[in-house]
PDB file of N, CA and C in Angstrom:
ATOM      1  N   MET A   1    -100.172  59.957  13.399  1.00  0.00           N
ATOM      2  CA  MET A   1    -100.187  61.393  13.153  1.00  0.00           C
ATOM      3  C   MET A   1    -101.317  61.756  12.197  1.00  0.00           C
ATOM      4  N   ALA A   2    -102.184  60.810  11.913  1.00  0.00           N
ATOM      5  CA  ALA A   2    -103.237  61.017  10.924  1.00  0.00           C
ATOM      6  C   ALA A   2    -104.172  62.180  11.260  1.00  0.00           C
ATOM      7  N   ASP A   3    -104.602  62.282  12.503  1.00  0.00           N
ATOM      8  CA  ASP A   3    -105.546  63.335  12.870  1.00  0.00           C
ATOM      9  C   ASP A   3    -104.879  64.538  13.513  1.00  0.00           C
ATOM     10  N   SER A   4    -103.577  64.464  13.727  1.00  0.00           N
ATOM     11  CA  SER A   4    -102.854  65.549  14.379  1.00  0.00           C
ATOM     12  C   SER A   4    -102.135  66.417  13.357  1.00  0.00           C
ATOM     13  N   PHE A   5    -101.908  67.653  13.731  1.00  0.00           N
ATOM     14  CA  PHE A   5    -101.091  68.585  12.948  1.00  0.00           C
ATOM     15  C   PHE A   5    -101.636  68.808  11.531  1.00  0.00           C
ATOM     16  N   ILE A   6    -102.957  68.762  11.389  1.00  0.00           N
ATOM     17  CA  ILE A   6    -103.557  68.936  10.068  1.00  0.00           C
ATOM     18  C   ILE A   6    -103.443  70.393   9.638  1.00  0.00           C
ATOM     19  N   THR A   7    -102.932  70.588   8.443  1.00  0.00           N
ATOM     20  CA  THR A   7    -102.819  71.932   7.871  1.00  0.00           C
ATOM     21  C   THR A   7    -102.741  71.813   6.359  1.00  0.00           C
ATOM     22  N   THR A   8    -103.219  72.824   5.684  1.00  0.00           N
ATOM     23  CA  THR A   8    -103.106  72.841   4.226  1.00  0.00           C
ATOM     24  C   THR A   8    -101.930  73.713   3.793  1.00  0.00           C
ATOM     25  N   ASN A   9    -101.317  74.388   4.762  1.00  0.00           N
ATOM     26  CA  ASN A   9    -100.221  75.301   4.445  1.00  0.00           C
ATOM     27  C   ASN A   9     -98.869  74.605   4.543  1.00  0.00           C
ATOM     28  N   ARG A  10     -98.038  74.842   3.544  1.00  0.00           N
ATOM     29  CA  ARG A  10     -96.660  74.358   3.599  1.00  0.00           C
ATOM     30  C   ARG A  10     -95.872  75.311   4.488  1.00  0.00           C
ATOM     31  N   PHE A  11     -94.868  74.781   5.153  1.00  0.00           N
ATOM     32  CA  PHE A  11     -94.054  75.588   6.056  1.00  0.00           C
ATOM     33  C   PHE A  11     -92.701  75.865   5.419  1.00  0.00           C
ATOM     34  N   PHE A  12     -92.358  77.140   5.350  1.00  0.00           N
ATOM     35  CA  PHE A  12     -91.062  77.562   4.830  1.00  0.00           C
ATOM     36  C   PHE A  12     -90.473  78.580   5.790  1.00  0.00           C
ATOM     37  N   ASP A  13     -89.164  78.623   5.864  1.00  0.00           N
ATOM     38  CA  ASP A  13     -88.482  79.601   6.696  1.00  0.00           C
ATOM     39  C   ASP A  13     -87.466  80.312   5.813  1.00  0.00           C
ATOM     40  N   ASN A  14     -87.911  81.401   5.195  1.00  0.00           N
ATOM     41  CA  ASN A  14     -87.035  82.124   4.267  1.00  0.00           C
ATOM     42  C   ASN A  14     -85.930  82.894   4.966  1.00  0.00           C
ATOM     43  N   LYS A  15     -86.070  83.119   6.258  1.00  0.00           N
ATOM     44  CA  LYS A  15     -85.032  83.841   6.997  1.00  0.00           C
ATOM     45  C   LYS A  15     -83.831  82.942   7.279  1.00  0.00           C
ATOM     46  N   PHE A  16     -84.087  81.767   7.845  1.00  0.00           N
ATOM     47  CA  PHE A  16     -82.996  80.875   8.241  1.00  0.00           C
ATOM     48  C   PHE A  16     -82.695  79.790   7.208  1.00  0.00           C
ATOM     49  N   TYR A  17     -83.682  79.426   6.404  1.00  0.00           N
ATOM     50  CA  TYR A  17     -83.507  78.365   5.409  1.00  0.00           C
ATOM     51  C   TYR A  17     -84.068  78.822   4.057  1.00  0.00           C
ATOM     52  N   PRO A  18     -83.461  79.845   3.446  1.00  0.00           N
ATOM     53  CA  PRO A  18     -84.011  80.394   2.203  1.00  0.00           C
ATOM     54  C   PRO A  18     -84.012  79.410   1.034  1.00  0.00           C
ATOM     55  N   ARG A  19     -83.157  78.404   1.072  1.00  0.00           N
ATOM     56  CA  ARG A  19     -83.119  77.425  -0.018  1.00  0.00           C
ATOM     57  C   ARG A  19     -83.908  76.168   0.310  1.00  0.00           C
ATOM     58  N   GLY A  20     -84.603  76.184   1.433  1.00  0.00           N
ATOM     59  CA  GLY A  20     -85.377  75.010   1.840  1.00  0.00           C
ATOM     60  C   GLY A  20     -84.637  74.200   2.891  1.00  0.00           C
ATOM     61  N   PHE A  21     -85.393  73.431   3.654  1.00  0.00           N
ATOM     62  CA  PHE A  21     -84.803  72.657   4.749  1.00  0.00           C
ATOM     63  C   PHE A  21     -83.881  71.556   4.244  1.00  0.00           C
ATOM     64  N   SER A  22     -84.246  70.912   3.144  1.00  0.00           N
ATOM     65  CA  SER A  22     -83.473  69.767   2.671  1.00  0.00           C
ATOM     66  C   SER A  22     -82.147  70.172   2.040  1.00  0.00           C
ATOM     67  N   ARG A  23     -82.034  71.393   1.578  1.00  0.00           N
ATOM     68  CA  ARG A  23     -80.804  71.827   0.906  1.00  0.00           C
ATOM     69  C   ARG A  23     -79.783  72.448   1.832  1.00  0.00           C
ATOM     70  N   HIS A  24     -80.136  72.629   3.078  1.00  0.00           N
ATOM     71  CA  HIS A  24     -79.250  73.336   3.994  1.00  0.00           C
ATOM     72  C   HIS A  24     -78.256  72.418   4.692  1.00  0.00           C
ATOM     73  N   GLY A  25     -78.638  71.165   4.888  1.00  0.00           N
ATOM     74  CA  GLY A  25     -77.726  70.217   5.519  1.00  0.00           C
ATOM     75  C   GLY A  25     -77.969  69.985   6.999  1.00  0.00           C
ATOM     76  N   ASP A  26     -78.882  70.747   7.621  1.00  0.00           N
ATOM     77  CA  ASP A  26     -79.171  70.551   9.040  1.00  0.00           C
ATOM     78  C   ASP A  26     -80.135  69.385   9.271  1.00  0.00           C
ATOM     79  N   PHE A  27     -80.929  69.077   8.259  1.00  0.00           N
ATOM     80  CA  PHE A  27     -81.987  68.085   8.420  1.00  0.00           C
ATOM     81  C   PHE A  27     -81.869  66.970   7.387  1.00  0.00           C
ATOM     82  N   THR A  28     -82.312  65.765   7.779  1.00  0.00           N
ATOM     83  CA  THR A  28     -82.388  64.671   6.826  1.00  0.00           C
ATOM     84  C   THR A  28     -83.539  64.965   5.861  1.00  0.00           C
ATOM     85  N   ILE A  29     -83.626  64.205   4.803  1.00  0.00           N
ATOM     86  CA  ILE A  29     -84.722  64.405   3.842  1.00  0.00           C
ATOM     87  C   ILE A  29     -86.065  64.177   4.536  1.00  0.00           C
ATOM     88  N   LYS A  30     -86.132  63.142   5.359  1.00  0.00           N
ATOM     89  CA  LYS A  30     -87.382  62.847   6.068  1.00  0.00           C
ATOM     90  C   LYS A  30     -87.754  63.987   7.025  1.00  0.00           C
ATOM     91  N   GLU A  31     -86.760  64.510   7.750  1.00  0.00           N
ATOM     92  CA  GLU A  31     -87.018  65.620   8.670  1.00  0.00           C
ATOM     93  C   GLU A  31     -87.476  66.858   7.901  1.00  0.00           C
ATOM     94  N   ALA A  32     -86.831  67.126   6.770  1.00  0.00           N
ATOM     95  CA  ALA A  32     -87.206  68.282   5.951  1.00  0.00           C
ATOM     96  C   ALA A  32     -88.642  68.146   5.460  1.00  0.00           C
ATOM     97  N   GLN A  33     -89.022  66.934   5.059  1.00  0.00           N
ATOM     98  CA  GLN A  33     -90.392  66.706   4.589  1.00  0.00           C
ATOM     99  C   GLN A  33     -91.399  66.893   5.730  1.00  0.00           C
ATOM    100  N   LEU A  34     -91.048  66.428   6.926  1.00  0.00           N
ATOM    101  CA  LEU A  34     -91.927  66.625   8.088  1.00  0.00           C
ATOM    102  C   LEU A  34     -92.123  68.111   8.379  1.00  0.00           C
ATOM    103  N   LEU A  35     -91.016  68.863   8.334  1.00  0.00           N
ATOM    104  CA  LEU A  35     -91.107  70.300   8.601  1.00  0.00           C
ATOM    105  C   LEU A  35     -91.957  71.004   7.551  1.00  0.00           C
ATOM    106  N   GLU A  36     -91.746  70.684   6.280  1.00  0.00           N
ATOM    107  CA  GLU A  36     -92.513  71.340   5.214  1.00  0.00           C
ATOM    108  C   GLU A  36     -93.999  70.995   5.319  1.00  0.00           C
ATOM    109  N   ARG A  37     -94.284  69.735   5.629  1.00  0.00           N
ATOM    110  CA  ARG A  37     -95.668  69.293   5.639  1.00  0.00           C
ATOM    111  C   ARG A  37     -96.433  69.730   6.885  1.00  0.00           C
ATOM    112  N   TYR A  38     -95.782  69.634   8.063  1.00  0.00           N
ATOM    113  CA  TYR A  38     -96.478  69.896   9.319  1.00  0.00           C
ATOM    114  C   TYR A  38     -95.957  71.108  10.079  1.00  0.00           C
ATOM    115  N   GLY A  39     -94.885  71.725   9.608  1.00  0.00           N
ATOM    116  CA  GLY A  39     -94.245  72.821  10.334  1.00  0.00           C
ATOM    117  C   GLY A  39     -95.165  73.989  10.631  1.00  0.00           C
ATOM    118  N   TYR A  40     -96.082  74.267   9.721  1.00  0.00           N
ATOM    119  CA  TYR A  40     -97.022  75.366   9.942  1.00  0.00           C
ATOM    120  C   TYR A  40     -97.859  75.088  11.196  1.00  0.00           C
ATOM    121  N   ALA A  41     -98.346  73.855  11.318  1.00  0.00           N
ATOM    122  CA  ALA A  41     -99.131  73.465  12.500  1.00  0.00           C
ATOM    123  C   ALA A  41     -98.236  73.448  13.735  1.00  0.00           C
ATOM    124  N   PHE A  42     -97.003  72.900  13.594  1.00  0.00           N
ATOM    125  CA  PHE A  42     -96.062  72.879  14.722  1.00  0.00           C
ATOM    126  C   PHE A  42     -95.856  74.295  15.253  1.00  0.00           C
ATOM    127  N   ASN A  43     -95.623  75.224  14.334  1.00  0.00           N
ATOM    128  CA  ASN A  43     -95.341  76.608  14.706  1.00  0.00           C
ATOM    129  C   ASN A  43     -96.531  77.247  15.413  1.00  0.00           C
ATOM    130  N   GLU A  44     -97.723  77.041  14.873  1.00  0.00           N
ATOM    131  CA  GLU A  44     -98.918  77.625  15.490  1.00  0.00           C
ATOM    132  C   GLU A  44     -99.166  77.046  16.877  1.00  0.00           C
ATOM    133  N   LEU A  45     -98.939  75.750  17.048  1.00  0.00           N
ATOM    134  CA  LEU A  45     -99.091  75.135  18.375  1.00  0.00           C
ATOM    135  C   LEU A  45     -98.042  75.686  19.328  1.00  0.00           C
ATOM    136  N   ASP A  46     -96.810  75.812  18.852  1.00  0.00           N
ATOM    137  CA  ASP A  46     -95.709  76.312  19.668  1.00  0.00           C
ATOM    138  C   ASP A  46     -95.978  77.746  20.125  1.00  0.00           C
ATOM    139  N   LEU A  47     -96.515  78.573  19.241  1.00  0.00           N
ATOM    140  CA  LEU A  47     -96.779  79.982  19.558  1.00  0.00           C
ATOM    141  C   LEU A  47     -98.098  80.197  20.303  1.00  0.00           C
ATOM    142  N   GLY A  48     -98.892  79.142  20.432  1.00  0.00           N
ATOM    143  CA  GLY A  48    -100.176  79.267  21.108  1.00  0.00           C
ATOM    144  C   GLY A  48    -101.266  79.855  20.233  1.00  0.00           C
ATOM    145  N   LYS A  49    -101.026  79.940  18.919  1.00  0.00           N
ATOM    146  CA  LYS A  49    -102.035  80.478  17.995  1.00  0.00           C
ATOM    147  C   LYS A  49    -103.080  79.423  17.657  1.00  0.00           C
ATOM    148  N   ARG A  50    -102.765  78.191  17.987  1.00  0.00           N
ATOM    149  CA  ARG A  50    -103.653  77.065  17.697  1.00  0.00           C
ATOM    150  C   ARG A  50    -103.733  76.203  18.952  1.00  0.00           C
ATOM    151  N   GLN A  51    -104.930  75.784  19.303  1.00  0.00           N
ATOM    152  CA  GLN A  51    -105.120  74.950  20.487  1.00  0.00           C
ATOM    153  C   GLN A  51    -104.941  73.474  20.109  1.00  0.00           C
ATOM    154  N   PRO A  52    -104.252  72.710  20.960  1.00  0.00           N
ATOM    155  CA  PRO A  52    -104.095  71.285  20.677  1.00  0.00           C
ATOM    156  C   PRO A  52    -105.439  70.565  20.750  1.00  0.00           C
ATOM    157  N   VAL A  53    -105.655  69.652  19.809  1.00  0.00           N
ATOM    158  CA  VAL A  53    -106.926  68.938  19.731  1.00  0.00           C
ATOM    159  C   VAL A  53    -106.761  67.473  20.143  1.00  0.00           C
ATOM    160  N   THR A  54    -105.655  66.870  19.747  1.00  0.00           N
ATOM    161  CA  THR A  54    -105.414  65.455  20.035  1.00  0.00           C
ATOM    162  C   THR A  54    -104.414  65.306  21.183  1.00  0.00           C
ATOM    163  N   ASP A  55    -104.305  64.084  21.707  1.00  0.00           N
ATOM    164  CA  ASP A  55    -103.309  63.798  22.749  1.00  0.00           C
ATOM    165  C   ASP A  55    -101.907  64.076  22.228  1.00  0.00           C
ATOM    166  N   GLU A  56    -101.678  63.704  20.976  1.00  0.00           N
ATOM    167  CA  GLU A  56    -100.363  63.913  20.373  1.00  0.00           C
ATOM    168  C   GLU A  56    -100.009  65.406  20.325  1.00  0.00           C
ATOM    169  N   GLU A  57    -100.984  66.226  19.981  1.00  0.00           N
ATOM    170  CA  GLU A  57    -100.748  67.672  19.955  1.00  0.00           C
ATOM    171  C   GLU A  57    -100.528  68.219  21.360  1.00  0.00           C
ATOM    172  N   ASN A  58    -101.267  67.696  22.347  1.00  0.00           N
ATOM    173  CA  ASN A  58    -101.069  68.116  23.743  1.00  0.00           C
ATOM    174  C   ASN A  58     -99.654  67.792  24.211  1.00  0.00           C
ATOM    175  N   GLN A  59     -99.174  66.609  23.869  1.00  0.00           N
ATOM    176  CA  GLN A  59     -97.815  66.210  24.236  1.00  0.00           C
ATOM    177  C   GLN A  59     -96.788  67.083  23.520  1.00  0.00           C
ATOM    178  N   PHE A  60     -97.067  67.411  22.258  1.00  0.00           N
ATOM    179  CA  PHE A  60     -96.187  68.279  21.480  1.00  0.00           C
ATOM    180  C   PHE A  60     -96.049  69.645  22.152  1.00  0.00           C
ATOM    181  N   VAL A  61     -97.171  70.208  22.593  1.00  0.00           N
ATOM    182  CA  VAL A  61     -97.159  71.515  23.262  1.00  0.00           C
ATOM    183  C   VAL A  61     -96.369  71.434  24.567  1.00  0.00           C
ATOM    184  N   ALA A  62     -96.489  70.322  25.279  1.00  0.00           N
ATOM    185  CA  ALA A  62     -95.726  70.135  26.521  1.00  0.00           C
ATOM    186  C   ALA A  62     -94.223  70.147  26.227  1.00  0.00           C
ATOM    187  N   VAL A  63     -93.829  69.559  25.109  1.00  0.00           N
ATOM    188  CA  VAL A  63     -92.413  69.580  24.709  1.00  0.00           C
ATOM    189  C   VAL A  63     -91.993  71.015  24.398  1.00  0.00           C
ATOM    190  N   CYS A  64     -92.832  71.741  23.673  1.00  0.00           N
ATOM    191  CA  CYS A  64     -92.525  73.136  23.320  1.00  0.00           C
ATOM    192  C   CYS A  64     -92.339  73.997  24.566  1.00  0.00           C
ATOM    193  N   ARG A  65     -93.084  73.703  25.603  1.00  0.00           N
ATOM    194  CA  ARG A  65     -93.004  74.465  26.857  1.00  0.00           C
ATOM    195  C   ARG A  65     -91.868  73.978  27.762  1.00  0.00           C
ATOM    196  N   GLY A  66     -91.183  72.925  27.344  1.00  0.00           N
ATOM    197  CA  GLY A  66     -90.086  72.390  28.139  1.00  0.00           C
ATOM    198  C   GLY A  66     -90.546  71.518  29.288  1.00  0.00           C
ATOM    199  N   GLU A  67     -91.797  71.037  29.224  1.00  0.00           N
ATOM    200  CA  GLU A  67     -92.350  70.225  30.310  1.00  0.00           C
ATOM    201  C   GLU A  67     -91.991  68.753  30.168  1.00  0.00           C
ATOM    202  N   ARG A  68     -91.576  68.352  28.991  1.00  0.00           N
ATOM    203  CA  ARG A  68     -91.153  66.967  28.765  1.00  0.00           C
ATOM    204  C   ARG A  68     -90.164  66.921  27.606  1.00  0.00           C
ATOM    205  N   GLU A  69     -89.427  65.816  27.536  1.00  0.00           N
ATOM    206  CA  GLU A  69     -88.443  65.636  26.473  1.00  0.00           C
ATOM    207  C   GLU A  69     -89.140  65.180  25.193  1.00  0.00           C
ATOM    208  N   PRO A  70     -88.618  65.576  24.027  1.00  0.00           N
ATOM    209  CA  PRO A  70     -89.222  65.123  22.764  1.00  0.00           C
ATOM    210  C   PRO A  70     -89.053  63.617  22.587  1.00  0.00           C
ATOM    211  N   GLU A  71     -90.138  62.963  22.179  1.00  0.00           N
ATOM    212  CA  GLU A  71     -90.106  61.516  21.967  1.00  0.00           C
ATOM    213  C   GLU A  71     -90.501  61.129  20.549  1.00  0.00           C
ATOM    214  N   THR A  72     -91.529  61.770  20.008  1.00  0.00           N
ATOM    215  CA  THR A  72     -91.992  61.405  18.665  1.00  0.00           C
ATOM    216  C   THR A  72     -91.128  62.088  17.610  1.00  0.00           C
ATOM    217  N   GLU A  73     -91.242  61.615  16.375  1.00  0.00           N
ATOM    218  CA  GLU A  73     -90.499  62.245  15.274  1.00  0.00           C
ATOM    219  C   GLU A  73     -90.844  63.726  15.157  1.00  0.00           C
ATOM    220  N   ALA A  74     -92.140  64.029  15.273  1.00  0.00           N
ATOM    221  CA  ALA A  74     -92.583  65.420  15.162  1.00  0.00           C
ATOM    222  C   ALA A  74     -91.943  66.282  16.241  1.00  0.00           C
ATOM    223  N   GLU A  75     -91.954  65.786  17.465  1.00  0.00           N
ATOM    224  CA  GLU A  75     -91.384  66.549  18.582  1.00  0.00           C
ATOM    225  C   GLU A  75     -89.880  66.731  18.409  1.00  0.00           C
ATOM    226  N   LYS A  76     -89.215  65.681  17.967  1.00  0.00           N
ATOM    227  CA  LYS A  76     -87.755  65.744  17.801  1.00  0.00           C
ATOM    228  C   LYS A  76     -87.348  66.705  16.694  1.00  0.00           C
ATOM    229  N   VAL A  77     -88.051  66.639  15.557  1.00  0.00           N
ATOM    230  CA  VAL A  77     -87.666  67.513  14.445  1.00  0.00           C
ATOM    231  C   VAL A  77     -87.989  68.975  14.755  1.00  0.00           C
ATOM    232  N   TRP A  78     -89.099  69.240  15.437  1.00  0.00           N
ATOM    233  CA  TRP A  78     -89.417  70.633  15.792  1.00  0.00           C
ATOM    234  C   TRP A  78     -88.415  71.164  16.817  1.00  0.00           C
ATOM    235  N   SER A  79     -88.057  70.340  17.786  1.00  0.00           N
ATOM    236  CA  SER A  79     -87.060  70.751  18.782  1.00  0.00           C
ATOM    237  C   SER A  79     -85.724  71.047  18.112  1.00  0.00           C
ATOM    238  N   LYS A  80     -85.351  70.217  17.164  1.00  0.00           N
ATOM    239  CA  LYS A  80     -84.100  70.416  16.418  1.00  0.00           C
ATOM    240  C   LYS A  80     -84.150  71.733  15.642  1.00  0.00           C
ATOM    241  N   TYR A  81     -85.273  71.968  14.975  1.00  0.00           N
ATOM    242  CA  TYR A  81     -85.447  73.204  14.203  1.00  0.00           C
ATOM    243  C   TYR A  81     -85.345  74.436  15.110  1.00  0.00           C
ATOM    244  N   VAL A  82     -86.079  74.408  16.226  1.00  0.00           N
ATOM    245  CA  VAL A  82     -86.094  75.554  17.143  1.00  0.00           C
ATOM    246  C   VAL A  82     -84.695  75.801  17.714  1.00  0.00           C
ATOM    247  N   THR A  83     -83.993  74.731  18.043  1.00  0.00           N
ATOM    248  CA  THR A  83     -82.629  74.859  18.555  1.00  0.00           C
ATOM    249  C   THR A  83     -81.728  75.508  17.508  1.00  0.00           C
ATOM    250  N   ARG A  84     -81.876  75.109  16.251  1.00  0.00           N
ATOM    251  CA  ARG A  84     -81.047  75.654  15.170  1.00  0.00           C
ATOM    252  C   ARG A  84     -81.297  77.154  14.937  1.00  0.00           C
ATOM    253  N   ILE A  85     -82.562  77.568  14.975  1.00  0.00           N
ATOM    254  CA  ILE A  85     -82.836  78.978  14.663  1.00  0.00           C
ATOM    255  C   ILE A  85     -82.597  79.896  15.843  1.00  0.00           C
ATOM    256  N   ARG A  86     -82.540  79.363  17.050  1.00  0.00           N
ATOM    257  CA  ARG A  86     -82.351  80.211  18.229  1.00  0.00           C
ATOM    258  C   ARG A  86     -80.910  80.253  18.713  1.00  0.00           C
ATOM    259  N   ARG A  87     -80.037  79.444  18.124  1.00  0.00           N
ATOM    260  CA  ARG A  87     -78.643  79.446  18.582  1.00  0.00           C
ATOM    261  C   ARG A  87     -77.925  80.659  18.006  1.00  0.00           C
ATOM    262  N   PRO A  88     -76.887  81.109  18.687  1.00  0.00           N
ATOM    263  CA  PRO A  88     -76.122  82.234  18.132  1.00  0.00           C
ATOM    264  C   PRO A  88     -75.398  81.795  16.871  1.00  0.00           C
ATOM    265  N   LYS A  89     -75.230  82.728  15.962  1.00  0.00           N
ATOM    266  CA  LYS A  89     -74.539  82.441  14.710  1.00  0.00           C
ATOM    267  C   LYS A  89     -73.093  82.067  14.995  1.00  0.00           C
ATOM    268  N   ARG A  90     -72.636  81.030  14.318  1.00  0.00           N
ATOM    269  CA  ARG A  90     -71.252  80.629  14.487  1.00  0.00           C
ATOM    270  C   ARG A  90     -70.402  81.311  13.434  1.00  0.00           C
ATOM    271  N   PHE A  91     -69.143  81.490  13.758  1.00  0.00           N
ATOM    272  CA  PHE A  91     -68.215  82.163  12.863  1.00  0.00           C
ATOM    273  C   PHE A  91     -67.647  81.140  11.888  1.00  0.00           C
ATOM    274  N   HIS A  92     -67.759  81.417  10.609  1.00  0.00           N
ATOM    275  CA  HIS A  92     -67.241  80.497   9.598  1.00  0.00           C
ATOM    276  C   HIS A  92     -66.079  81.140   8.868  1.00  0.00           C
ATOM    277  N   THR A  93     -65.087  80.324   8.563  1.00  0.00           N
ATOM    278  CA  THR A  93     -63.972  80.818   7.770  1.00  0.00           C
ATOM    279  C   THR A  93     -63.952  80.069   6.450  1.00  0.00           C
ATOM    280  N   LEU A  94     -63.404  80.691   5.429  1.00  0.00           N
ATOM    281  CA  LEU A  94     -63.308  80.034   4.137  1.00  0.00           C
ATOM    282  C   LEU A  94     -62.156  79.040   4.092  1.00  0.00           C
ATOM    283  N   SER A  95     -61.156  79.238   4.934  1.00  0.00           N
ATOM    284  CA  SER A  95     -59.984  78.375   4.910  1.00  0.00           C
ATOM    285  C   SER A  95     -60.236  77.036   5.585  1.00  0.00           C
ATOM    286  N   GLY A  96     -61.235  76.974   6.444  1.00  0.00           N
ATOM    287  CA  GLY A  96     -61.505  75.749   7.170  1.00  0.00           C
ATOM    288  C   GLY A  96     -60.659  75.632   8.429  1.00  0.00           C
ATOM    289  N   GLY A  97     -59.757  76.565   8.618  1.00  0.00           N
ATOM    290  CA  GLY A  97     -58.911  76.533   9.808  1.00  0.00           C
ATOM    291  C   GLY A  97     -59.523  77.348  10.918  1.00  0.00           C
ATOM    292  N   LYS A  98     -58.712  77.682  11.883  1.00  0.00           N
ATOM    293  CA  LYS A  98     -59.188  78.505  12.988  1.00  0.00           C
ATOM    294  C   LYS A  98     -59.411  79.935  12.499  1.00  0.00           C
ATOM    295  N   PRO A  99     -60.341  80.668  13.111  1.00  0.00           N
ATOM    296  CA  PRO A  99     -60.552  82.059  12.713  1.00  0.00           C
ATOM    297  C   PRO A  99     -59.252  82.857  12.885  1.00  0.00           C
ATOM    298  N   GLN A 100     -59.008  83.721  11.933  1.00  0.00           N
ATOM    299  CA  GLN A 100     -57.797  84.534  11.981  1.00  0.00           C
ATOM    300  C   GLN A 100     -57.934  85.603  13.056  1.00  0.00           C
ATOM    301  N   MET A 101     -56.888  85.789  13.807  1.00  0.00           N
ATOM    302  CA  MET A 101     -56.882  86.841  14.818  1.00  0.00           C
ATOM    303  C   MET A 101     -56.145  88.043  14.233  1.00  0.00           C
ATOM    304  N   ASP A 102     -56.552  89.218  14.656  1.00  0.00           N
ATOM    305  CA  ASP A 102     -55.863  90.423  14.202  1.00  0.00           C
ATOM    306  C   ASP A 102     -54.629  90.634  15.062  1.00  0.00           C
ATOM    307  N   THR A 103     -53.583  89.944  14.727  1.00  0.00           N
ATOM    308  CA  THR A 103     -52.347  90.080  15.489  1.00  0.00           C
ATOM    309  C   THR A 103     -51.306  90.754  14.619  1.00  0.00           C
ATOM    310  N   VAL A 104     -50.490  91.508  15.252  1.00  0.00           N
ATOM    311  CA  VAL A 104     -49.411  92.186  14.533  1.00  0.00           C
ATOM    312  C   VAL A 104     -48.146  91.368  14.742  1.00  0.00           C
ATOM    313  N   GLU A 105     -47.582  90.915  13.642  1.00  0.00           N
ATOM    314  CA  GLU A 105     -46.363  90.101  13.734  1.00  0.00           C
ATOM    315  C   GLU A 105     -45.159  91.034  13.812  1.00  0.00           C
ATOM    316  N   ASP A 106     -44.163  90.574  14.529  1.00  0.00           N
ATOM    317  CA  ASP A 106     -42.924  91.345  14.625  1.00  0.00           C
ATOM    318  C   ASP A 106     -42.019  91.016  13.445  1.00  0.00           C
ATOM    319  N   TYR A 107     -41.810  91.977  12.608  1.00  0.00           N
ATOM    320  CA  TYR A 107     -40.900  91.775  11.480  1.00  0.00           C
ATOM    321  C   TYR A 107     -39.680  92.636  11.699  1.00  0.00           C
ATOM    322  N   THR A 108     -38.543  92.064  11.454  1.00  0.00           N
ATOM    323  CA  THR A 108     -37.304  92.863  11.540  1.00  0.00           C
ATOM    324  C   THR A 108     -36.775  93.025  10.126  1.00  0.00           C
ATOM    325  N   GLU A 109     -36.419  94.223   9.791  1.00  0.00           N
ATOM    326  CA  GLU A 109     -35.871  94.463   8.454  1.00  0.00           C
ATOM    327  C   GLU A 109     -34.379  94.173   8.487  1.00  0.00           C
ATOM    328  N   SER A 110     -33.948  93.456   7.487  1.00  0.00           N
ATOM    329  CA  SER A 110     -32.506  93.200   7.413  1.00  0.00           C
ATOM    330  C   SER A 110     -32.038  93.549   6.010  1.00  0.00           C
ATOM    331  N   ASP A 111     -30.797  93.928   5.896  1.00  0.00           N
ATOM    332  CA  ASP A 111     -30.238  94.324   4.609  1.00  0.00           C
ATOM    333  C   ASP A 111     -29.402  93.210   4.012  1.00  0.00           C
ATOM    334  N   ASP A 112     -29.870  91.987   4.055  1.00  0.00           N
ATOM    335  CA  ASP A 112     -29.084  90.876   3.508  1.00  0.00           C
ATOM    336  C   ASP A 112     -29.101  90.867   2.003  1.00  0.00           C
TER     337      ASP A 112
END
């Protein structure tokens, strides 16, 4: 990866990962470091703002277009990131149980 994905810009995603990739729990420390270091280049290649220069970058773009499965660490971590930010938000509860339904329970009043 020495000549590929060269960028001087760090990659951050304040919308989906405001505390950083490593603090969110979706990525390993190594994956978070890859995203921070090369994510800017990954993103530009994915969006077509940057033309691939090396074979590795060409293969990366093919993965972004869905033409091949991710094989390298870079391809896998970018695919994982894109999958995470494009999925619908899941419903979380504080209790850890199933989401509460708005159901009306039948209560009978008794004079015991």
